[in-house]
Amino acid sequence: MILYHGSYMEIAEPDLVHSRTNVDFGCGFYVTPLYEQAAKWCGKFRRRGKEGIISCYAFDESCEENLKVLELDSYSEEWLDFILNCRREKDTTGYDLVIGGVANDKVFNTVELFFDGLIDKTEALNRLRYEKPNLQFCFRTEKALSCLRFEGSERV
């Protein structure tokens, strides 16, 4: 499977050192199988006057059998709880790889309303059920990162 990472620089050797901790799936290296999604990730850097560069990786899916993987197929209660634990830096699950939906602007707004206690979980899930997830993969351990092979990059 081919996966993409959007940034302001080529990342030939992904690592965990440069990751923030309080994001969707916690500390990790984030990629997507959706080229358009990676291009959107580049947009924030281009707005700051930097180049947008998409790095491309081959993912050896046979590695998954040796990894602890969480796959969240929809914006569900499990997804919402996991996101909130990760953003609060309270995740203790030990997953090597997490696959699930991106909290895009509309989804992010709903998550923030719930996070701030302005809507309850039922209302948040009602709002999220109509959203189609944009898929992201979060490689959270060195073991998981070893399943990626850099293929090249391009400016966007």
N, C-alpha and C. Protein backbone atom coordinates (compact mmCIF):
# COMPACT_ATOMS: atom_id res chain seq x y z
N MET A 1 0.85 -1.18 0.00
CA MET A 1 0.00 0.00 0.00
C MET A 1 0.90 1.24 0.00
N ILE A 2 0.51 2.25 -0.76
CA ILE A 2 1.24 3.51 -0.80
C ILE A 2 0.59 4.50 0.17
N LEU A 3 1.43 5.15 0.98
CA LEU A 3 0.98 6.13 1.95
C LEU A 3 1.74 7.43 1.75
N TYR A 4 1.10 8.56 2.11
CA TYR A 4 1.67 9.88 1.87
C TYR A 4 1.72 10.69 3.15
N HIS A 5 2.75 11.54 3.24
CA HIS A 5 2.91 12.46 4.36
C HIS A 5 3.11 13.87 3.81
N GLY A 6 2.28 14.80 4.23
CA GLY A 6 2.41 16.19 3.79
C GLY A 6 3.16 17.02 4.80
N SER A 7 4.16 17.78 4.32
CA SER A 7 5.00 18.58 5.20
C SER A 7 5.59 19.75 4.40
N TYR A 8 6.58 20.42 5.00
CA TYR A 8 7.30 21.48 4.30
C TYR A 8 8.68 20.98 3.87
N MET A 9 8.95 19.70 4.17
CA MET A 9 10.24 19.13 3.83
C MET A 9 10.09 17.64 3.52
N GLU A 10 11.04 17.11 2.79
CA GLU A 10 11.07 15.68 2.52
C GLU A 10 11.43 14.96 3.81
N ILE A 11 10.75 13.85 4.06
CA ILE A 11 11.07 13.05 5.24
C ILE A 11 11.40 11.64 4.77
N ALA A 12 12.68 11.43 4.52
CA ALA A 12 13.15 10.14 4.02
C ALA A 12 13.24 9.10 5.14
N GLU A 13 13.46 9.57 6.36
CA GLU A 13 13.57 8.66 7.50
C GLU A 13 12.60 9.11 8.60
N PRO A 14 11.36 8.63 8.55
CA PRO A 14 10.38 9.01 9.57
C PRO A 14 10.85 8.62 10.96
N ASP A 15 10.51 9.46 11.94
CA ASP A 15 10.84 9.15 13.32
C ASP A 15 9.70 9.60 14.22
N LEU A 16 9.84 9.32 15.50
CA LEU A 16 8.84 9.71 16.49
C LEU A 16 9.26 10.95 17.27
N VAL A 17 10.50 11.36 17.10
CA VAL A 17 11.07 12.48 17.85
C VAL A 17 10.35 13.80 17.55
N HIS A 18 9.95 13.99 16.31
CA HIS A 18 9.37 15.26 15.90
C HIS A 18 7.85 15.33 16.04
N SER A 19 7.25 14.33 16.62
CA SER A 19 5.80 14.29 16.76
C SER A 19 5.33 15.04 18.00
N ARG A 20 4.18 15.69 17.85
CA ARG A 20 3.53 16.28 19.03
C ARG A 20 2.78 15.18 19.76
N THR A 21 2.50 15.39 21.02
CA THR A 21 1.85 14.34 21.82
C THR A 21 0.34 14.44 21.86
N ASN A 22 -0.20 15.64 21.92
CA ASN A 22 -1.64 15.80 22.16
C ASN A 22 -2.44 15.98 20.86
N VAL A 23 -2.27 15.04 19.93
CA VAL A 23 -3.00 15.07 18.66
C VAL A 23 -3.89 13.84 18.56
N ASP A 24 -4.63 13.72 17.45
CA ASP A 24 -5.68 12.71 17.29
C ASP A 24 -5.35 11.34 17.87
N PHE A 25 -4.28 10.73 17.39
CA PHE A 25 -3.94 9.37 17.81
C PHE A 25 -2.67 9.34 18.65
N GLY A 26 -2.31 10.48 19.20
CA GLY A 26 -1.14 10.57 20.05
C GLY A 26 0.15 10.73 19.26
N CYS A 27 1.24 10.60 19.97
CA CYS A 27 2.57 10.76 19.38
C CYS A 27 2.78 9.69 18.32
N GLY A 28 3.21 10.12 17.13
CA GLY A 28 3.46 9.17 16.06
C GLY A 28 3.73 9.85 14.74
N PHE A 29 4.00 9.06 13.73
CA PHE A 29 4.23 9.55 12.38
C PHE A 29 2.95 9.31 11.59
N TYR A 30 2.35 10.40 11.11
CA TYR A 30 1.04 10.36 10.46
C TYR A 30 1.17 10.34 8.94
N VAL A 31 0.45 9.43 8.32
CA VAL A 31 0.39 9.32 6.86
C VAL A 31 -1.05 9.00 6.47
N THR A 32 -1.30 9.10 5.17
CA THR A 32 -2.63 8.80 4.64
C THR A 32 -2.50 8.10 3.29
N PRO A 33 -3.45 7.23 2.97
CA PRO A 33 -3.45 6.65 1.62
C PRO A 33 -4.06 7.60 0.59
N LEU A 34 -4.56 8.74 1.05
CA LEU A 34 -5.24 9.71 0.20
C LEU A 34 -4.29 10.85 -0.16
N TYR A 35 -3.84 10.88 -1.39
CA TYR A 35 -2.91 11.91 -1.85
C TYR A 35 -3.48 13.31 -1.58
N GLU A 36 -4.78 13.48 -1.83
CA GLU A 36 -5.43 14.79 -1.63
C GLU A 36 -5.36 15.23 -0.18
N GLN A 37 -5.45 14.27 0.74
CA GLN A 37 -5.36 14.60 2.16
C GLN A 37 -3.96 15.09 2.51
N ALA A 38 -2.95 14.42 1.98
CA ALA A 38 -1.56 14.85 2.21
C ALA A 38 -1.33 16.25 1.64
N ALA A 39 -1.92 16.52 0.47
CA ALA A 39 -1.79 17.84 -0.14
C ALA A 39 -2.44 18.90 0.77
N LYS A 40 -3.57 18.56 1.41
CA LYS A 40 -4.20 19.50 2.36
C LYS A 40 -3.29 19.76 3.55
N TRP A 41 -2.62 18.71 4.02
CA TRP A 41 -1.69 18.88 5.14
C TRP A 41 -0.58 19.84 4.76
N CYS A 42 -0.18 19.83 3.50
CA CYS A 42 0.86 20.75 3.01
C CYS A 42 0.37 22.20 3.00
N GLY A 43 -0.93 22.38 2.87
CA GLY A 43 -1.50 23.72 2.76
C GLY A 43 -1.14 24.63 3.90
N LYS A 44 -1.11 24.11 5.12
CA LYS A 44 -0.80 24.98 6.27
C LYS A 44 0.63 25.51 6.19
N PHE A 45 1.53 24.73 5.61
CA PHE A 45 2.92 25.19 5.47
C PHE A 45 3.02 26.21 4.34
N ARG A 46 2.30 25.97 3.26
CA ARG A 46 2.34 26.92 2.14
C ARG A 46 1.77 28.27 2.56
N ARG A 47 0.74 28.27 3.42
CA ARG A 47 0.18 29.53 3.91
C ARG A 47 1.19 30.29 4.76
N ARG A 48 2.19 29.59 5.30
CA ARG A 48 3.25 30.22 6.10
C ARG A 48 4.46 30.57 5.24
N GLY A 49 4.33 30.42 3.92
CA GLY A 49 5.41 30.79 3.02
C GLY A 49 6.45 29.71 2.78
N LYS A 50 6.17 28.49 3.24
CA LYS A 50 7.10 27.38 3.02
C LYS A 50 6.61 26.52 1.86
N GLU A 51 7.49 25.67 1.39
CA GLU A 51 7.10 24.75 0.33
C GLU A 51 6.21 23.65 0.90
N GLY A 52 5.38 23.07 0.04
CA GLY A 52 4.63 21.89 0.40
C GLY A 52 5.29 20.69 -0.28
N ILE A 53 5.64 19.69 0.51
CA ILE A 53 6.29 18.51 -0.03
C ILE A 53 5.57 17.26 0.47
N ILE A 54 5.22 16.41 -0.47
CA ILE A 54 4.59 15.14 -0.12
C ILE A 54 5.63 14.04 -0.24
N SER A 55 5.88 13.37 0.87
CA SER A 55 6.76 12.20 0.88
C SER A 55 5.90 10.96 0.72
N CYS A 56 6.41 9.99 -0.02
CA CYS A 56 5.66 8.79 -0.37
C CYS A 56 6.37 7.56 0.21
N TYR A 57 5.57 6.62 0.73
CA TYR A 57 6.10 5.43 1.38
C TYR A 57 5.33 4.19 0.91
N ALA A 58 6.05 3.09 0.81
CA ALA A 58 5.42 1.79 0.62
C ALA A 58 5.25 1.19 2.02
N PHE A 59 4.05 0.74 2.31
CA PHE A 59 3.75 0.12 3.59
C PHE A 59 3.61 -1.38 3.38
N ASP A 60 4.43 -2.15 4.05
CA ASP A 60 4.38 -3.60 3.98
C ASP A 60 3.27 -4.08 4.92
N GLU A 61 2.09 -4.33 4.36
CA GLU A 61 0.93 -4.69 5.18
C GLU A 61 1.09 -6.03 5.90
N SER A 62 1.99 -6.87 5.42
CA SER A 62 2.22 -8.15 6.11
C SER A 62 2.81 -7.91 7.51
N CYS A 63 3.39 -6.74 7.74
CA CYS A 63 3.94 -6.39 9.06
C CYS A 63 2.84 -6.30 10.12
N GLU A 64 1.63 -6.01 9.70
CA GLU A 64 0.55 -5.78 10.66
C GLU A 64 0.34 -6.96 11.60
N GLU A 65 0.62 -8.17 11.14
CA GLU A 65 0.39 -9.34 11.98
C GLU A 65 1.31 -9.34 13.20
N ASN A 66 2.40 -8.58 13.16
CA ASN A 66 3.34 -8.50 14.28
C ASN A 66 3.18 -7.22 15.09
N LEU A 67 2.15 -6.44 14.77
CA LEU A 67 1.92 -5.17 15.45
C LEU A 67 0.62 -5.20 16.23
N LYS A 68 0.56 -4.39 17.27
CA LYS A 68 -0.70 -4.17 17.98
C LYS A 68 -1.39 -3.01 17.25
N VAL A 69 -2.50 -3.33 16.55
CA VAL A 69 -3.16 -2.38 15.66
C VAL A 69 -4.57 -2.08 16.16
N LEU A 70 -4.92 -0.80 16.11
CA LEU A 70 -6.30 -0.37 16.36
C LEU A 70 -6.82 0.23 15.07
N GLU A 71 -7.92 -0.33 14.57
CA GLU A 71 -8.54 0.21 13.36
C GLU A 71 -9.93 0.71 13.71
N LEU A 72 -10.12 2.00 13.51
CA LEU A 72 -11.39 2.66 13.81
C LEU A 72 -12.06 3.02 12.48
N ASP A 73 -13.08 2.23 12.10
CA ASP A 73 -13.67 2.34 10.76
C ASP A 73 -14.62 3.51 10.58
N SER A 74 -15.06 4.12 11.68
CA SER A 74 -16.02 5.22 11.56
C SER A 74 -15.83 6.18 12.73
N TYR A 75 -16.52 7.31 12.64
CA TYR A 75 -16.54 8.25 13.75
C TYR A 75 -17.54 7.70 14.77
N SER A 76 -17.03 6.88 15.65
CA SER A 76 -17.86 6.15 16.61
C SER A 76 -17.54 6.61 18.03
N GLU A 77 -18.24 6.04 18.99
CA GLU A 77 -17.95 6.34 20.39
C GLU A 77 -16.52 5.91 20.74
N GLU A 78 -16.11 4.75 20.21
CA GLU A 78 -14.74 4.28 20.45
C GLU A 78 -13.72 5.27 19.88
N TRP A 79 -13.97 5.77 18.65
CA TRP A 79 -13.08 6.76 18.02
C TRP A 79 -13.02 8.03 18.88
N LEU A 80 -14.18 8.53 19.28
CA LEU A 80 -14.24 9.77 20.06
C LEU A 80 -13.51 9.62 21.39
N ASP A 81 -13.75 8.52 22.09
CA ASP A 81 -13.07 8.30 23.37
C ASP A 81 -11.56 8.19 23.19
N PHE A 82 -11.14 7.50 22.13
CA PHE A 82 -9.71 7.33 21.89
C PHE A 82 -9.04 8.68 21.58
N ILE A 83 -9.68 9.48 20.72
CA ILE A 83 -9.16 10.81 20.38
C ILE A 83 -9.02 11.67 21.64
N LEU A 84 -10.04 11.66 22.47
CA LEU A 84 -10.00 12.49 23.67
C LEU A 84 -8.90 12.04 24.63
N ASN A 85 -8.73 10.73 24.79
CA ASN A 85 -7.64 10.24 25.64
C ASN A 85 -6.28 10.65 25.09
N CYS A 86 -6.12 10.55 23.77
CA CYS A 86 -4.84 10.93 23.17
C CYS A 86 -4.58 12.42 23.32
N ARG A 87 -5.59 13.23 23.07
CA ARG A 87 -5.40 14.68 23.18
C ARG A 87 -5.15 15.12 24.61
N ARG A 88 -5.64 14.36 25.56
CA ARG A 88 -5.39 14.65 26.98
C ARG A 88 -4.10 14.00 27.47
N GLU A 89 -3.41 13.30 26.56
CA GLU A 89 -2.19 12.57 26.87
C GLU A 89 -2.41 11.53 27.96
N LYS A 90 -3.57 10.84 27.88
CA LYS A 90 -3.93 9.81 28.85
C LYS A 90 -4.10 8.44 28.21
N ASP A 91 -3.58 8.27 27.00
CA ASP A 91 -3.68 6.98 26.33
C ASP A 91 -2.62 6.03 26.87
N THR A 92 -3.06 4.86 27.31
CA THR A 92 -2.14 3.85 27.84
C THR A 92 -2.30 2.51 27.10
N THR A 93 -2.85 2.55 25.89
CA THR A 93 -3.19 1.32 25.18
C THR A 93 -1.99 0.59 24.59
N GLY A 94 -0.92 1.28 24.25
CA GLY A 94 0.26 0.63 23.71
C GLY A 94 0.14 0.17 22.26
N TYR A 95 -0.74 0.78 21.49
CA TYR A 95 -0.85 0.40 20.08
C TYR A 95 0.39 0.84 19.31
N ASP A 96 0.83 -0.02 18.39
CA ASP A 96 1.93 0.30 17.48
C ASP A 96 1.43 1.15 16.32
N LEU A 97 0.22 0.85 15.86
CA LEU A 97 -0.35 1.48 14.68
C LEU A 97 -1.83 1.73 14.93
N VAL A 98 -2.27 2.95 14.64
CA VAL A 98 -3.69 3.30 14.74
C VAL A 98 -4.13 3.80 13.38
N ILE A 99 -5.26 3.27 12.91
CA ILE A 99 -5.82 3.63 11.61
C ILE A 99 -7.24 4.12 11.85
N GLY A 100 -7.55 5.31 11.34
CA GLY A 100 -8.90 5.82 11.53
C GLY A 100 -9.07 7.19 10.91
N GLY A 101 -10.20 7.79 11.19
CA GLY A 101 -10.58 9.06 10.59
C GLY A 101 -9.80 10.25 11.10
N VAL A 102 -9.59 11.19 10.21
CA VAL A 102 -8.95 12.47 10.52
C VAL A 102 -10.00 13.39 11.13
N ALA A 103 -9.63 14.13 12.15
CA ALA A 103 -10.51 15.16 12.69
C ALA A 103 -10.33 16.42 11.84
N ASN A 104 -11.03 16.47 10.68
CA ASN A 104 -10.96 17.66 9.82
C ASN A 104 -11.67 18.83 10.51
N ASP A 105 -11.78 19.97 9.84
CA ASP A 105 -12.32 21.17 10.48
C ASP A 105 -13.70 20.96 11.10
N LYS A 106 -14.63 20.39 10.34
CA LYS A 106 -15.98 20.20 10.85
C LYS A 106 -15.99 19.19 11.99
N VAL A 107 -15.28 18.10 11.82
CA VAL A 107 -15.19 17.07 12.86
C VAL A 107 -14.47 17.64 14.07
N PHE A 108 -13.40 18.38 13.85
CA PHE A 108 -12.63 18.98 14.94
C PHE A 108 -13.54 19.89 15.78
N ASN A 109 -14.38 20.69 15.12
CA ASN A 109 -15.27 21.59 15.85
C ASN A 109 -16.21 20.80 16.78
N THR A 110 -16.75 19.70 16.28
CA THR A 110 -17.62 18.87 17.10
C THR A 110 -16.86 18.27 18.27
N VAL A 111 -15.66 17.76 18.01
CA VAL A 111 -14.83 17.18 19.07
C VAL A 111 -14.51 18.24 20.12
N GLU A 112 -14.17 19.44 19.69
CA GLU A 112 -13.86 20.52 20.64
C GLU A 112 -15.07 20.90 21.49
N LEU A 113 -16.25 20.95 20.87
CA LEU A 113 -17.47 21.25 21.65
C LEU A 113 -17.69 20.20 22.73
N PHE A 114 -17.48 18.94 22.37
CA PHE A 114 -17.62 17.86 23.34
C PHE A 114 -16.52 17.95 24.40
N PHE A 115 -15.28 18.14 23.96
CA PHE A 115 -14.14 18.24 24.85
C PHE A 115 -14.34 19.34 25.89
N ASP A 116 -14.93 20.46 25.46
CA ASP A 116 -15.17 21.60 26.35
C ASP A 116 -16.46 21.48 27.16
N GLY A 117 -17.21 20.37 26.99
CA GLY A 117 -18.43 20.16 27.75
C GLY A 117 -19.63 20.95 27.26
N LEU A 118 -19.57 21.49 26.04
CA LEU A 118 -20.67 22.29 25.50
C LEU A 118 -21.74 21.44 24.84
N ILE A 119 -21.39 20.22 24.44
CA ILE A 119 -22.38 19.25 23.97
C ILE A 119 -22.04 17.91 24.62
N ASP A 120 -23.04 17.04 24.74
CA ASP A 120 -22.77 15.74 25.34
C ASP A 120 -22.35 14.73 24.27
N LYS A 121 -21.97 13.54 24.71
CA LYS A 121 -21.46 12.53 23.80
C LYS A 121 -22.50 12.14 22.76
N THR A 122 -23.76 12.04 23.16
CA THR A 122 -24.82 11.66 22.22
C THR A 122 -24.94 12.68 21.10
N GLU A 123 -24.91 13.96 21.44
CA GLU A 123 -24.99 15.02 20.42
C GLU A 123 -23.76 14.99 19.52
N ALA A 124 -22.60 14.80 20.10
CA ALA A 124 -21.37 14.74 19.30
C ALA A 124 -21.46 13.59 18.30
N LEU A 125 -21.87 12.42 18.76
CA LEU A 125 -21.96 11.27 17.86
C LEU A 125 -23.03 11.47 16.79
N ASN A 126 -24.13 12.13 17.15
CA ASN A 126 -25.17 12.45 16.15
C ASN A 126 -24.61 13.35 15.04
N ARG A 127 -23.80 14.32 15.43
CA ARG A 127 -23.20 15.23 14.43
C ARG A 127 -22.17 14.50 13.57
N LEU A 128 -21.42 13.59 14.17
CA LEU A 128 -20.34 12.91 13.47
C LEU A 128 -20.82 11.80 12.53
N ARG A 129 -21.99 11.24 12.78
CA ARG A 129 -22.43 10.07 12.00
C ARG A 129 -22.63 10.37 10.52
N TYR A 130 -22.77 11.63 10.16
CA TYR A 130 -22.97 11.99 8.75
C TYR A 130 -21.65 12.30 8.04
N GLU A 131 -20.57 12.31 8.78
CA GLU A 131 -19.27 12.65 8.20
C GLU A 131 -18.55 11.39 7.71
N LYS A 132 -17.99 11.48 6.53
CA LYS A 132 -17.22 10.37 5.98
C LYS A 132 -15.75 10.59 6.38
N PRO A 133 -15.16 9.63 7.08
CA PRO A 133 -13.78 9.82 7.55
C PRO A 133 -12.77 9.90 6.41
N ASN A 134 -11.82 10.82 6.53
CA ASN A 134 -10.62 10.85 5.70
C ASN A 134 -9.58 10.05 6.47
N LEU A 135 -9.08 9.02 5.88
CA LEU A 135 -8.26 8.04 6.58
C LEU A 135 -6.85 8.52 6.88
N GLN A 136 -6.38 8.22 8.10
CA GLN A 136 -5.00 8.48 8.48
C GLN A 136 -4.46 7.26 9.22
N PHE A 137 -3.16 7.07 9.08
CA PHE A 137 -2.44 6.01 9.78
C PHE A 137 -1.46 6.71 10.71
N CYS A 138 -1.39 6.26 11.95
CA CYS A 138 -0.43 6.80 12.90
C CYS A 138 0.50 5.67 13.34
N PHE A 139 1.75 5.77 12.91
CA PHE A 139 2.78 4.80 13.29
C PHE A 139 3.38 5.30 14.60
N ARG A 140 3.09 4.57 15.70
CA ARG A 140 3.39 5.06 17.04
C ARG A 140 4.63 4.45 17.67
N THR A 141 5.25 3.47 17.02
CA THR A 141 6.45 2.83 17.58
C THR A 141 7.49 2.64 16.48
N GLU A 142 8.73 2.45 16.91
CA GLU A 142 9.80 2.17 15.95
C GLU A 142 9.51 0.87 15.20
N LYS A 143 8.94 -0.09 15.89
CA LYS A 143 8.57 -1.36 15.27
C LYS A 143 7.61 -1.13 14.11
N ALA A 144 6.63 -0.27 14.31
CA ALA A 144 5.67 0.04 13.25
C ALA A 144 6.35 0.82 12.12
N LEU A 145 7.20 1.78 12.47
CA LEU A 145 7.90 2.56 11.44
C LEU A 145 8.77 1.70 10.54
N SER A 146 9.25 0.58 11.05
CA SER A 146 10.11 -0.29 10.25
C SER A 146 9.33 -0.93 9.09
N CYS A 147 8.02 -0.81 9.09
CA CYS A 147 7.18 -1.35 8.01
C CYS A 147 7.04 -0.38 6.84
N LEU A 148 7.59 0.83 6.98
CA LEU A 148 7.52 1.83 5.92
C LEU A 148 8.84 1.89 5.16
N ARG A 149 8.75 2.03 3.83
CA ARG A 149 9.94 2.23 3.00
C ARG A 149 9.75 3.49 2.17
N PHE A 150 10.66 4.42 2.33
CA PHE A 150 10.60 5.68 1.61
C PHE A 150 10.74 5.43 0.11
N GLU A 151 9.83 6.06 -0.67
CA GLU A 151 9.83 5.87 -2.13
C GLU A 151 10.21 7.14 -2.88
N GLY A 152 10.15 8.29 -2.21
CA GLY A 152 10.46 9.54 -2.88
C GLY A 152 9.55 10.66 -2.40
N SER A 153 9.72 11.84 -3.00
CA SER A 153 8.89 12.98 -2.61
C SER A 153 8.67 13.88 -3.82
N GLU A 154 7.72 14.79 -3.67
CA GLU A 154 7.46 15.79 -4.71
C GLU A 154 6.92 17.06 -4.09
N ARG A 155 7.21 18.17 -4.76
CA ARG A 155 6.68 19.47 -4.33
C ARG A 155 5.25 19.61 -4.86
N VAL A 156 4.42 20.24 -4.03
CA VAL A 156 3.02 20.48 -4.46
C VAL A 156 2.71 21.97 -4.36
